[in-house]
Amino acid sequence: MLINTLSLQEAKDSSEIENIITTHDELYKAELFSEFIGNPAAKEVSRYSSALKYGFSCIHKEKLLTINHILKIHKELEQNDAGIRKLPGTSLKNDKTGEMIYMPPQNHGDIVHLLNNLEQFMNHDDMLDVDPLIKMAVIHFQFESIHPFYDGNGRTGRIINILYLVAKGLLDIPVLYLSRYIIQNKADYYRLLQETRESGDWEPWLLYMLDGIESTAKQTIHIVENIKHLMISYKHRFRDELPKIYSQDLLNLLFRHPYTKIDAVKDELHVSRLTATRYLNLLVEHDFLQKQKVSKHNYYINASLFDLFMEIPE
């Protein structure tokens, strides 16, 4: 449940850094009714969530983070086979002035060599025996400086952050997302990246990233505890008010995603469409869910869960 709900939050925030703006409402609708949602931003954010989940499945099995994994994550993000840059000309410019800020490596062979070195660095601790949080900050800096893809480097790099912490056993599931912190401190993020490239002074960059991890960890604990308390509250009310339809599976479904639909209940509980519709309508009548329409289809919102993501503390 946490992977589904929090990965959508991260997907939205990470994409917003790249000026891919969508609302939670658009994103959740796109997850349920992609054939009816034409919002390109919502689709891009949804692909970020899919790429993150794919990466987690790889790391969870192998405990390694390889270039092949990163290439597949990037392919899922961008929905193309462009892969590692082969043509020169990529540079990072100031959005407002057009001034060139940074020229990453241009030669394809150099990029591949640097990525292979980064792969070794990520997976062999004897190359730099430091705390994994510091090493994650170094890895992120290196990846963004190599800038191996024509597009999607920032989003791919932020997925690598979380996967590295999973690979090193600091997290069991990918629920620590730095994108909200980066949005709130975006100017510092880009400034410190460039200052570190120019000066070689790592300390400000490392402290920035460690502050972000601390802040994000506290926010995540807050979210997880609130989800747990809300779920317990729903469970008690559900059993008291609707004992004939109560099940743990149905309760879990209400918290797997802030929005749900009839087909999800039908498939999850192995009941008829008529029964699934009756369950959801009863939940609406008892104020567990709110009912709305997309095209000819109904969808059902766990508004209390939705609101938790609107109230994340600074």
C-alpha atoms as a PDB file:
ATOM      1  CA  MET A   1       0.000   0.000   0.000  1.00  0.00           C
ATOM      2  CA  LEU A   2       2.799   2.426   0.886  1.00  0.00           C
ATOM      3  CA  ILE A   3       4.661   1.712  -2.342  1.00  0.00           C
ATOM      4  CA  ASN A   4       1.553   2.508  -4.373  1.00  0.00           C
ATOM      5  CA  THR A   5       0.482   5.635  -2.530  1.00  0.00           C
ATOM      6  CA  LEU A   6       3.860   7.204  -1.777  1.00  0.00           C
ATOM      7  CA  SER A   7       5.369   6.382  -5.157  1.00  0.00           C
ATOM      8  CA  LEU A   8       2.574   8.378  -6.800  1.00  0.00           C
ATOM      9  CA  GLN A   9       3.363  11.310  -4.495  1.00  0.00           C
ATOM     10  CA  GLU A  10       7.050  11.076  -5.407  1.00  0.00           C
ATOM     11  CA  ALA A  11       6.256  10.732  -9.114  1.00  0.00           C
ATOM     12  CA  LYS A  12       4.254  13.948  -8.996  1.00  0.00           C
ATOM     13  CA  ASP A  13       6.906  15.884  -7.073  1.00  0.00           C
ATOM     14  CA  SER A  14       9.869  14.607  -9.082  1.00  0.00           C
ATOM     15  CA  SER A  15       8.176  15.448 -12.360  1.00  0.00           C
ATOM     16  CA  GLU A  16       7.259  18.897 -11.067  1.00  0.00           C
ATOM     17  CA  ILE A  17      10.981  19.663 -10.718  1.00  0.00           C
ATOM     18  CA  GLU A  18      11.180  19.205 -14.493  1.00  0.00           C
ATOM     19  CA  ASN A  19       8.150  21.500 -14.944  1.00  0.00           C
ATOM     20  CA  ILE A  20       5.870  18.558 -15.712  1.00  0.00           C
ATOM     21  CA  ILE A  21       2.901  19.827 -13.733  1.00  0.00           C
ATOM     22  CA  THR A  22      -0.178  17.801 -12.916  1.00  0.00           C
ATOM     23  CA  THR A  23      -2.668  17.758 -10.065  1.00  0.00           C
ATOM     24  CA  HIS A  24      -3.215  14.834  -7.741  1.00  0.00           C
ATOM     25  CA  ASP A  25      -6.729  14.517  -9.127  1.00  0.00           C
ATOM     26  CA  GLU A  26      -5.493  14.221 -12.734  1.00  0.00           C
ATOM     27  CA  LEU A  27      -2.840  11.723 -11.717  1.00  0.00           C
ATOM     28  CA  TYR A  28      -5.165   9.450  -9.773  1.00  0.00           C
ATOM     29  CA  LYS A  29      -7.735   9.486 -12.565  1.00  0.00           C
ATOM     30  CA  ALA A  30      -5.048   8.602 -15.108  1.00  0.00           C
ATOM     31  CA  GLU A  31      -4.039   5.619 -12.960  1.00  0.00           C
ATOM     32  CA  LEU A  32      -7.586   4.260 -13.131  1.00  0.00           C
ATOM     33  CA  PHE A  33      -8.855   5.415 -16.523  1.00  0.00           C
ATOM     34  CA  SER A  34      -5.840   5.973 -18.735  1.00  0.00           C
ATOM     35  CA  GLU A  35      -7.930   5.476 -21.863  1.00  0.00           C
ATOM     36  CA  PHE A  36     -10.040   8.513 -20.928  1.00  0.00           C
ATOM     37  CA  ILE A  37      -7.305  10.840 -19.670  1.00  0.00           C
ATOM     38  CA  GLY A  38      -5.501  12.852 -22.320  1.00  0.00           C
ATOM     39  CA  ASN A  39      -3.321  14.917 -19.975  1.00  0.00           C
ATOM     40  CA  PRO A  40       0.289  14.315 -21.146  1.00  0.00           C
ATOM     41  CA  ALA A  41       1.702  15.449 -17.792  1.00  0.00           C
ATOM     42  CA  ALA A  42      -0.390  12.898 -15.894  1.00  0.00           C
ATOM     43  CA  LYS A  43       0.805  10.180 -18.239  1.00  0.00           C
ATOM     44  CA  GLU A  44       4.448  11.175 -17.722  1.00  0.00           C
ATOM     45  CA  VAL A  45       4.021  11.131 -13.971  1.00  0.00           C
ATOM     46  CA  SER A  46       2.379   7.726 -14.172  1.00  0.00           C
ATOM     47  CA  ARG A  47       5.379   6.428 -16.128  1.00  0.00           C
ATOM     48  CA  TYR A  48       7.684   7.682 -13.377  1.00  0.00           C
ATOM     49  CA  SER A  49       5.731   5.621 -10.852  1.00  0.00           C
ATOM     50  CA  SER A  50       5.967   2.545 -13.097  1.00  0.00           C
ATOM     51  CA  ALA A  51       9.714   3.045 -13.587  1.00  0.00           C
ATOM     52  CA  LEU A  52      10.254   3.335  -9.841  1.00  0.00           C
ATOM     53  CA  LYS A  53       8.318   0.150  -9.153  1.00  0.00           C
ATOM     54  CA  TYR A  54      10.216  -1.685 -11.888  1.00  0.00           C
ATOM     55  CA  GLY A  55      13.540  -0.563 -10.426  1.00  0.00           C
ATOM     56  CA  PHE A  56      12.504  -1.649  -6.945  1.00  0.00           C
ATOM     57  CA  SER A  57      11.569  -5.118  -8.197  1.00  0.00           C
ATOM     58  CA  CYS A  58      15.069  -5.484  -9.694  1.00  0.00           C
ATOM     59  CA  ILE A  59      16.922  -4.212  -6.625  1.00  0.00           C
ATOM     60  CA  HIS A  60      14.768  -6.225  -4.239  1.00  0.00           C
ATOM     61  CA  LYS A  61      15.839  -9.429  -5.992  1.00  0.00           C
ATOM     62  CA  GLU A  62      19.476  -8.724  -6.838  1.00  0.00           C
ATOM     63  CA  LYS A  63      20.668  -6.103  -4.300  1.00  0.00           C
ATOM     64  CA  LEU A  64      22.695  -4.579  -7.151  1.00  0.00           C
ATOM     65  CA  LEU A  65      22.136  -1.385  -9.112  1.00  0.00           C
ATOM     66  CA  THR A  66      23.523  -1.783 -12.607  1.00  0.00           C
ATOM     67  CA  ILE A  67      23.681   0.326 -15.744  1.00  0.00           C
ATOM     68  CA  ASN A  68      21.317  -2.132 -17.418  1.00  0.00           C
ATOM     69  CA  HIS A  69      18.779  -1.473 -14.656  1.00  0.00           C
ATOM     70  CA  ILE A  70      19.192   2.263 -15.127  1.00  0.00           C
ATOM     71  CA  LEU A  71      18.749   1.969 -18.908  1.00  0.00           C
ATOM     72  CA  LYS A  72      15.508   0.021 -18.442  1.00  0.00           C
ATOM     73  CA  ILE A  73      14.250   2.519 -15.862  1.00  0.00           C
ATOM     74  CA  HIS A  74      15.007   5.351 -18.279  1.00  0.00           C
ATOM     75  CA  LYS A  75      13.275   3.525 -21.129  1.00  0.00           C
ATOM     76  CA  GLU A  76      10.150   3.157 -18.983  1.00  0.00           C
ATOM     77  CA  LEU A  77      10.295   6.852 -18.138  1.00  0.00           C
ATOM     78  CA  GLU A  78      10.795   8.126 -21.660  1.00  0.00           C
ATOM     79  CA  GLN A  79       9.020   5.381 -23.612  1.00  0.00           C
ATOM     80  CA  ASN A  80      11.786   5.233 -26.204  1.00  0.00           C
ATOM     81  CA  ASP A  81      15.056   3.436 -26.973  1.00  0.00           C
ATOM     82  CA  ALA A  82      17.258   6.532 -27.263  1.00  0.00           C
ATOM     83  CA  GLY A  83      19.499   5.247 -24.472  1.00  0.00           C
ATOM     84  CA  ILE A  84      22.907   6.760 -23.753  1.00  0.00           C
ATOM     85  CA  ARG A  85      23.694   9.931 -25.689  1.00  0.00           C
ATOM     86  CA  LYS A  86      25.580   9.301 -28.945  1.00  0.00           C
ATOM     87  CA  LEU A  87      25.496  12.783 -30.482  1.00  0.00           C
ATOM     88  CA  PRO A  88      27.352  15.835 -29.136  1.00  0.00           C
ATOM     89  CA  GLY A  89      25.670  19.129 -28.392  1.00  0.00           C
ATOM     90  CA  THR A  90      23.988  18.543 -25.033  1.00  0.00           C
ATOM     91  CA  SER A  91      24.483  21.366 -22.539  1.00  0.00           C
ATOM     92  CA  LEU A  92      22.710  22.702 -19.465  1.00  0.00           C
ATOM     93  CA  LYS A  93      21.487  26.267 -19.814  1.00  0.00           C
ATOM     94  CA  ASN A  94      19.839  28.899 -17.667  1.00  0.00           C
ATOM     95  CA  ASP A  95      16.120  28.726 -18.462  1.00  0.00           C
ATOM     96  CA  LYS A  96      15.723  32.490 -18.259  1.00  0.00           C
ATOM     97  CA  THR A  97      18.892  33.840 -19.902  1.00  0.00           C
ATOM     98  CA  GLY A  98      19.884  30.941 -22.174  1.00  0.00           C
ATOM     99  CA  GLU A  99      23.414  31.149 -20.768  1.00  0.00           C
ATOM    100  CA  MET A 100      25.295  27.848 -20.753  1.00  0.00           C
ATOM    101  CA  ILE A 101      25.885  26.699 -17.176  1.00  0.00           C
ATOM    102  CA  TYR A 102      27.501  23.303 -17.682  1.00  0.00           C
ATOM    103  CA  MET A 103      28.741  21.153 -20.560  1.00  0.00           C
ATOM    104  CA  PRO A 104      28.586  17.446 -19.647  1.00  0.00           C
ATOM    105  CA  PRO A 105      30.816  14.853 -21.352  1.00  0.00           C
ATOM    106  CA  GLN A 106      30.079  14.799 -25.084  1.00  0.00           C
ATOM    107  CA  ASN A 107      31.813  11.695 -26.420  1.00  0.00           C
ATOM    108  CA  HIS A 108      29.720   8.522 -26.311  1.00  0.00           C
ATOM    109  CA  GLY A 109      32.707   6.408 -25.317  1.00  0.00           C
ATOM    110  CA  ASP A 110      33.547   8.748 -22.439  1.00  0.00           C
ATOM    111  CA  ILE A 111      29.968   8.631 -21.177  1.00  0.00           C
ATOM    112  CA  VAL A 112      29.922   4.826 -21.248  1.00  0.00           C
ATOM    113  CA  HIS A 113      33.287   4.696 -19.443  1.00  0.00           C
ATOM    114  CA  LEU A 114      32.051   7.061 -16.723  1.00  0.00           C
ATOM    115  CA  LEU A 115      28.830   5.097 -16.284  1.00  0.00           C
ATOM    116  CA  ASN A 116      30.760   1.836 -15.932  1.00  0.00           C
ATOM    117  CA  ASN A 117      32.910   3.493 -13.289  1.00  0.00           C
ATOM    118  CA  LEU A 118      29.767   4.724 -11.519  1.00  0.00           C
ATOM    119  CA  GLU A 119      28.325   1.205 -11.574  1.00  0.00           C
ATOM    120  CA  GLN A 120      31.451  -0.111  -9.851  1.00  0.00           C
ATOM    121  CA  PHE A 121      31.288   2.747  -7.341  1.00  0.00           C
ATOM    122  CA  MET A 122      27.655   2.001  -6.492  1.00  0.00           C
ATOM    123  CA  ASN A 123      28.179  -1.703  -5.938  1.00  0.00           C
ATOM    124  CA  HIS A 124      31.671  -1.971  -4.422  1.00  0.00           C
ATOM    125  CA  ASP A 125      32.046  -0.301  -1.055  1.00  0.00           C
ATOM    126  CA  ASP A 126      35.818  -0.720  -1.031  1.00  0.00           C
ATOM    127  CA  MET A 127      36.049   2.093  -3.627  1.00  0.00           C
ATOM    128  CA  LEU A 128      34.866   4.570  -0.958  1.00  0.00           C
ATOM    129  CA  ASP A 129      34.237   3.314   2.554  1.00  0.00           C
ATOM    130  CA  VAL A 130      31.813   5.949   3.859  1.00  0.00           C
ATOM    131  CA  ASP A 131      28.268   6.016   5.185  1.00  0.00           C
ATOM    132  CA  PRO A 132      25.767   5.037   2.449  1.00  0.00           C
ATOM    133  CA  LEU A 133      23.895   8.347   2.820  1.00  0.00           C
ATOM    134  CA  ILE A 134      27.037  10.277   1.924  1.00  0.00           C
ATOM    135  CA  LYS A 135      27.760   7.870  -0.882  1.00  0.00           C
ATOM    136  CA  MET A 136      24.235   8.323  -2.232  1.00  0.00           C
ATOM    137  CA  ALA A 137      24.836  12.082  -2.405  1.00  0.00           C
ATOM    138  CA  VAL A 138      28.080  11.493  -4.320  1.00  0.00           C
ATOM    139  CA  ILE A 139      26.364   9.058  -6.697  1.00  0.00           C
ATOM    140  CA  HIS A 140      23.590  11.545  -7.411  1.00  0.00           C
ATOM    141  CA  PHE A 141      26.092  14.294  -8.130  1.00  0.00           C
ATOM    142  CA  GLN A 142      28.108  12.025 -10.437  1.00  0.00           C
ATOM    143  CA  PHE A 143      25.080  10.784 -12.359  1.00  0.00           C
ATOM    144  CA  GLU A 144      23.679  14.273 -12.896  1.00  0.00           C
ATOM    145  CA  SER A 145      27.119  15.512 -13.982  1.00  0.00           C
ATOM    146  CA  ILE A 146      27.574  12.655 -16.469  1.00  0.00           C
ATOM    147  CA  HIS A 147      24.070  13.508 -17.745  1.00  0.00           C
ATOM    148  CA  PRO A 148      24.018  10.357 -19.869  1.00  0.00           C
ATOM    149  CA  PHE A 149      20.624  10.777 -21.552  1.00  0.00           C
ATOM    150  CA  TYR A 150      19.136  13.316 -23.932  1.00  0.00           C
ATOM    151  CA  ASP A 151      16.223  13.774 -21.508  1.00  0.00           C
ATOM    152  CA  GLY A 152      15.016  12.385 -18.192  1.00  0.00           C
ATOM    153  CA  ASN A 153      18.334  12.595 -16.336  1.00  0.00           C
ATOM    154  CA  GLY A 154      16.894  14.334 -13.285  1.00  0.00           C
ATOM    155  CA  ARG A 155      13.991  11.929 -12.832  1.00  0.00           C
ATOM    156  CA  THR A 156      16.230   8.910 -13.428  1.00  0.00           C
ATOM    157  CA  GLY A 157      18.753  10.257 -10.925  1.00  0.00           C
ATOM    158  CA  ARG A 158      16.093  10.691  -8.257  1.00  0.00           C
ATOM    159  CA  ILE A 159      14.937   7.102  -8.754  1.00  0.00           C
ATOM    160  CA  ILE A 160      18.556   5.967  -8.362  1.00  0.00           C
ATOM    161  CA  ASN A 161      18.679   7.733  -4.972  1.00  0.00           C
ATOM    162  CA  ILE A 162      15.955   5.605  -3.460  1.00  0.00           C
ATOM    163  CA  LEU A 163      17.059   2.372  -5.139  1.00  0.00           C
ATOM    164  CA  TYR A 164      20.589   2.773  -3.802  1.00  0.00           C
ATOM    165  CA  LEU A 165      19.269   3.040  -0.231  1.00  0.00           C
ATOM    166  CA  VAL A 166      17.191  -0.097  -0.781  1.00  0.00           C
ATOM    167  CA  ALA A 167      20.192  -1.931  -2.239  1.00  0.00           C
ATOM    168  CA  LYS A 168      22.262  -1.019   0.844  1.00  0.00           C
ATOM    169  CA  GLY A 169      19.566  -2.215   3.236  1.00  0.00           C
ATOM    170  CA  LEU A 170      18.742   1.213   4.685  1.00  0.00           C
ATOM    171  CA  LEU A 171      15.166   0.834   3.478  1.00  0.00           C
ATOM    172  CA  ASP A 172      13.013  -2.256   3.049  1.00  0.00           C
ATOM    173  CA  ILE A 173      10.619  -0.521   0.686  1.00  0.00           C
ATOM    174  CA  PRO A 174      11.088   2.630  -1.428  1.00  0.00           C
ATOM    175  CA  VAL A 175       9.310   5.257   0.674  1.00  0.00           C
ATOM    176  CA  LEU A 176      11.895   8.007   1.242  1.00  0.00           C
ATOM    177  CA  TYR A 177      11.541  10.566  -1.509  1.00  0.00           C
ATOM    178  CA  LEU A 178      13.648  13.700  -1.785  1.00  0.00           C
ATOM    179  CA  SER A 179      11.749  15.408  -4.591  1.00  0.00           C
ATOM    180  CA  ARG A 180       9.509  17.519  -2.356  1.00  0.00           C
ATOM    181  CA  TYR A 181      12.597  18.808  -0.501  1.00  0.00           C
ATOM    182  CA  ILE A 182      14.330  19.595  -3.805  1.00  0.00           C
ATOM    183  CA  ILE A 183      11.268  21.505  -5.044  1.00  0.00           C
ATOM    184  CA  GLN A 184      11.259  23.576  -1.860  1.00  0.00           C
ATOM    185  CA  ASN A 185      15.011  24.236  -2.224  1.00  0.00           C
ATOM    186  CA  LYS A 186      15.345  24.056  -6.006  1.00  0.00           C
ATOM    187  CA  ALA A 187      17.653  27.034  -6.477  1.00  0.00           C
ATOM    188  CA  ASP A 188      20.085  25.667  -3.879  1.00  0.00           C
ATOM    189  CA  TYR A 189      19.998  22.242  -5.535  1.00  0.00           C
ATOM    190  CA  TYR A 190      21.154  23.502  -8.932  1.00  0.00           C
ATOM    191  CA  ARG A 191      23.521  26.075  -7.438  1.00  0.00           C
ATOM    192  CA  LEU A 192      25.297  23.512  -5.256  1.00  0.00           C
ATOM    193  CA  LEU A 193      25.603  21.012  -8.094  1.00  0.00           C
ATOM    194  CA  GLN A 194      27.410  23.591 -10.194  1.00  0.00           C
ATOM    195  CA  GLU A 195      29.501  25.032  -7.362  1.00  0.00           C
ATOM    196  CA  THR A 196      30.744  21.549  -6.508  1.00  0.00           C
ATOM    197  CA  ARG A 197      31.744  20.976 -10.132  1.00  0.00           C
ATOM    198  CA  GLU A 198      33.628  24.263 -10.218  1.00  0.00           C
ATOM    199  CA  SER A 199      35.265  24.273  -6.792  1.00  0.00           C
ATOM    200  CA  GLY A 200      35.619  20.607  -5.858  1.00  0.00           C
ATOM    201  CA  ASP A 201      34.356  21.507  -2.377  1.00  0.00           C
ATOM    202  CA  TRP A 202      31.954  18.694  -1.544  1.00  0.00           C
ATOM    203  CA  GLU A 203      30.879  19.725   1.949  1.00  0.00           C
ATOM    204  CA  PRO A 204      28.001  22.150   1.078  1.00  0.00           C
ATOM    205  CA  TRP A 205      26.519  19.642  -1.380  1.00  0.00           C
ATOM    206  CA  LEU A 206      26.760  16.736   1.072  1.00  0.00           C
ATOM    207  CA  LEU A 207      25.202  18.777   3.881  1.00  0.00           C
ATOM    208  CA  TYR A 208      22.376  19.860   1.564  1.00  0.00           C
ATOM    209  CA  MET A 209      21.583  16.253   0.697  1.00  0.00           C
ATOM    210  CA  LEU A 210      21.834  15.057   4.304  1.00  0.00           C
ATOM    211  CA  ASP A 211      19.500  17.843   5.431  1.00  0.00           C
ATOM    212  CA  GLY A 212      17.095  16.719   2.705  1.00  0.00           C
ATOM    213  CA  ILE A 213      17.230  13.106   3.870  1.00  0.00           C
ATOM    214  CA  GLU A 214      16.557  14.117   7.480  1.00  0.00           C
ATOM    215  CA  SER A 215      13.663  16.399   6.542  1.00  0.00           C
ATOM    216  CA  THR A 216      12.173  13.838   4.186  1.00  0.00           C
ATOM    217  CA  ALA A 217      12.516  11.006   6.712  1.00  0.00           C
ATOM    218  CA  LYS A 218      10.553  13.018   9.285  1.00  0.00           C
ATOM    219  CA  GLN A 219       7.844  13.834   6.724  1.00  0.00           C
ATOM    220  CA  THR A 220       7.610  10.191   5.672  1.00  0.00           C
ATOM    221  CA  ILE A 221       7.242   9.000   9.271  1.00  0.00           C
ATOM    222  CA  HIS A 222       4.459  11.563   9.692  1.00  0.00           C
ATOM    223  CA  ILE A 223       2.666  10.307   6.571  1.00  0.00           C
ATOM    224  CA  VAL A 224       3.035   6.621   7.448  1.00  0.00           C
ATOM    225  CA  GLU A 225       1.801   7.110  11.012  1.00  0.00           C
ATOM    226  CA  ASN A 226      -1.201   9.102   9.814  1.00  0.00           C
ATOM    227  CA  ILE A 227      -2.064   6.457   7.216  1.00  0.00           C
ATOM    228  CA  LYS A 228      -1.841   3.778   9.906  1.00  0.00           C
ATOM    229  CA  HIS A 229      -4.095   5.721  12.310  1.00  0.00           C
ATOM    230  CA  LEU A 230      -6.604   6.465   9.550  1.00  0.00           C
ATOM    231  CA  MET A 231      -6.683   2.829   8.490  1.00  0.00           C
ATOM    232  CA  ILE A 232      -7.312   1.673  12.076  1.00  0.00           C
ATOM    233  CA  SER A 233     -10.117   4.228  12.391  1.00  0.00           C
ATOM    234  CA  TYR A 234     -11.677   3.018   9.144  1.00  0.00           C
ATOM    235  CA  LYS A 235     -11.362  -0.591  10.290  1.00  0.00           C
ATOM    236  CA  HIS A 236     -13.274  -0.005  13.530  1.00  0.00           C
ATOM    237  CA  ARG A 237     -15.994   2.025  11.813  1.00  0.00           C
ATOM    238  CA  PHE A 238     -16.216  -0.453   8.954  1.00  0.00           C
ATOM    239  CA  ARG A 239     -16.736  -3.422  11.268  1.00  0.00           C
ATOM    240  CA  ASP A 240     -19.288  -1.542  13.384  1.00  0.00           C
ATOM    241  CA  GLU A 241     -21.305   0.041  10.592  1.00  0.00           C
ATOM    242  CA  LEU A 242     -21.020  -2.497   7.745  1.00  0.00           C
ATOM    243  CA  PRO A 243     -20.197  -5.868   9.325  1.00  0.00           C
ATOM    244  CA  LYS A 244     -21.877  -7.837   6.527  1.00  0.00           C
ATOM    245  CA  ILE A 245     -19.479  -6.568   3.860  1.00  0.00           C
ATOM    246  CA  TYR A 246     -16.383  -5.947   5.995  1.00  0.00           C
ATOM    247  CA  SER A 247     -13.179  -7.740   4.999  1.00  0.00           C
ATOM    248  CA  GLN A 248      -9.509  -6.929   5.432  1.00  0.00           C
ATOM    249  CA  ASP A 249      -9.045  -7.256   1.668  1.00  0.00           C
ATOM    250  CA  LEU A 250     -11.661  -4.593   0.994  1.00  0.00           C
ATOM    251  CA  LEU A 251     -10.166  -2.314   3.635  1.00  0.00           C
ATOM    252  CA  ASN A 252      -6.702  -2.771   2.097  1.00  0.00           C
ATOM    253  CA  LEU A 253      -8.085  -1.854  -1.313  1.00  0.00           C
ATOM    254  CA  LEU A 254      -9.398   1.460   0.021  1.00  0.00           C
ATOM    255  CA  PHE A 255      -5.860   2.379   1.101  1.00  0.00           C
ATOM    256  CA  ARG A 256      -3.876   0.986  -1.807  1.00  0.00           C
ATOM    257  CA  HIS A 257      -4.756   4.026  -3.874  1.00  0.00           C
ATOM    258  CA  PRO A 258      -6.803   7.121  -2.945  1.00  0.00           C
ATOM    259  CA  TYR A 259      -9.112   6.371  -5.878  1.00  0.00           C
ATOM    260  CA  THR A 260     -10.700   3.064  -6.781  1.00  0.00           C
ATOM    261  CA  LYS A 261     -13.293   1.703  -9.207  1.00  0.00           C
ATOM    262  CA  ILE A 262     -15.780  -1.126  -9.500  1.00  0.00           C
ATOM    263  CA  ASP A 263     -13.476  -3.372 -11.529  1.00  0.00           C
ATOM    264  CA  ALA A 264     -10.772  -3.152  -8.854  1.00  0.00           C
ATOM    265  CA  VAL A 265     -13.174  -4.382  -6.162  1.00  0.00           C
ATOM    266  CA  LYS A 266     -14.544  -7.063  -8.473  1.00  0.00           C
ATOM    267  CA  ASP A 267     -11.069  -8.401  -9.294  1.00  0.00           C
ATOM    268  CA  GLU A 268      -9.596  -8.064  -5.789  1.00  0.00           C
ATOM    269  CA  LEU A 269     -12.489  -9.717  -3.932  1.00  0.00           C
ATOM    270  CA  HIS A 270     -13.541 -12.135  -6.714  1.00  0.00           C
ATOM    271  CA  VAL A 271     -17.140 -10.973  -6.609  1.00  0.00           C
ATOM    272  CA  SER A 272     -19.622 -10.062  -9.313  1.00  0.00           C
ATOM    273  CA  ARG A 273     -19.763  -6.552 -10.733  1.00  0.00           C
ATOM    274  CA  LEU A 274     -23.178  -6.111  -9.140  1.00  0.00           C
ATOM    275  CA  THR A 275     -21.803  -7.046  -5.716  1.00  0.00           C
ATOM    276  CA  ALA A 276     -18.770  -4.810  -6.130  1.00  0.00           C
ATOM    277  CA  THR A 277     -21.048  -1.892  -7.038  1.00  0.00           C
ATOM    278  CA  ARG A 278     -23.228  -2.550  -3.993  1.00  0.00           C
ATOM    279  CA  TYR A 279     -20.178  -2.606  -1.689  1.00  0.00           C
ATOM    280  CA  LEU A 280     -18.898   0.695  -3.007  1.00  0.00           C
ATOM    281  CA  ASN A 281     -22.290   2.384  -2.837  1.00  0.00           C
ATOM    282  CA  LEU A 282     -22.657   1.305   0.792  1.00  0.00           C
ATOM    283  CA  LEU A 283     -19.237   2.752   1.548  1.00  0.00           C
ATOM    284  CA  VAL A 284     -20.337   6.012  -0.055  1.00  0.00           C
ATOM    285  CA  GLU A 285     -23.572   6.042   1.976  1.00  0.00           C
ATOM    286  CA  HIS A 286     -21.549   5.658   5.184  1.00  0.00           C
ATOM    287  CA  ASP A 287     -19.065   8.401   4.215  1.00  0.00           C
ATOM    288  CA  PHE A 288     -16.059   6.151   3.766  1.00  0.00           C
ATOM    289  CA  LEU A 289     -15.790   7.149   0.091  1.00  0.00           C
ATOM    290  CA  GLN A 290     -16.978   9.856  -2.284  1.00  0.00           C
ATOM    291  CA  LYS A 291     -18.418   8.962  -5.685  1.00  0.00           C
ATOM    292  CA  GLN A 292     -17.656  10.821  -8.924  1.00  0.00           C
ATOM    293  CA  LYS A 293     -17.830  10.172 -12.655  1.00  0.00           C
ATOM    294  CA  VAL A 294     -15.179   9.973 -15.396  1.00  0.00           C
ATOM    295  CA  SER A 295     -16.819   9.722 -18.806  1.00  0.00           C
ATOM    296  CA  LYS A 296     -19.428   6.966 -18.333  1.00  0.00           C
ATOM    297  CA  HIS A 297     -17.550   5.384 -15.447  1.00  0.00           C
ATOM    298  CA  ASN A 298     -17.816   5.864 -11.697  1.00  0.00           C
ATOM    299  CA  TYR A 299     -14.805   6.200  -9.457  1.00  0.00           C
ATOM    300  CA  TYR A 300     -14.625   6.336  -5.696  1.00  0.00           C
ATOM    301  CA  ILE A 301     -12.344   8.558  -3.616  1.00  0.00           C
ATOM    302  CA  ASN A 302     -10.973   7.862  -0.163  1.00  0.00           C
ATOM    303  CA  ALA A 303     -11.002  11.595   0.558  1.00  0.00           C
ATOM    304  CA  SER A 304      -9.440  11.225   4.009  1.00  0.00           C
ATOM    305  CA  LEU A 305      -6.439   9.407   2.523  1.00  0.00           C
ATOM    306  CA  PHE A 306      -6.234  11.936  -0.309  1.00  0.00           C
ATOM    307  CA  ASP A 307      -6.153  14.778   2.232  1.00  0.00           C
ATOM    308  CA  LEU A 308      -3.178  13.255   4.047  1.00  0.00           C
ATOM    309  CA  PHE A 309      -1.017  13.946   1.002  1.00  0.00           C
ATOM    310  CA  MET A 310      -2.170  17.564   0.992  1.00  0.00           C
ATOM    311  CA  GLU A 311      -1.097  18.069   4.613  1.00  0.00           C
ATOM    312  CA  ILE A 312       2.537  16.948   4.572  1.00  0.00           C
ATOM    313  CA  PRO A 313       4.457  19.142   7.050  1.00  0.00           C
ATOM    314  CA  GLU A 314       7.248  21.405   5.825  1.00  0.00           C
END
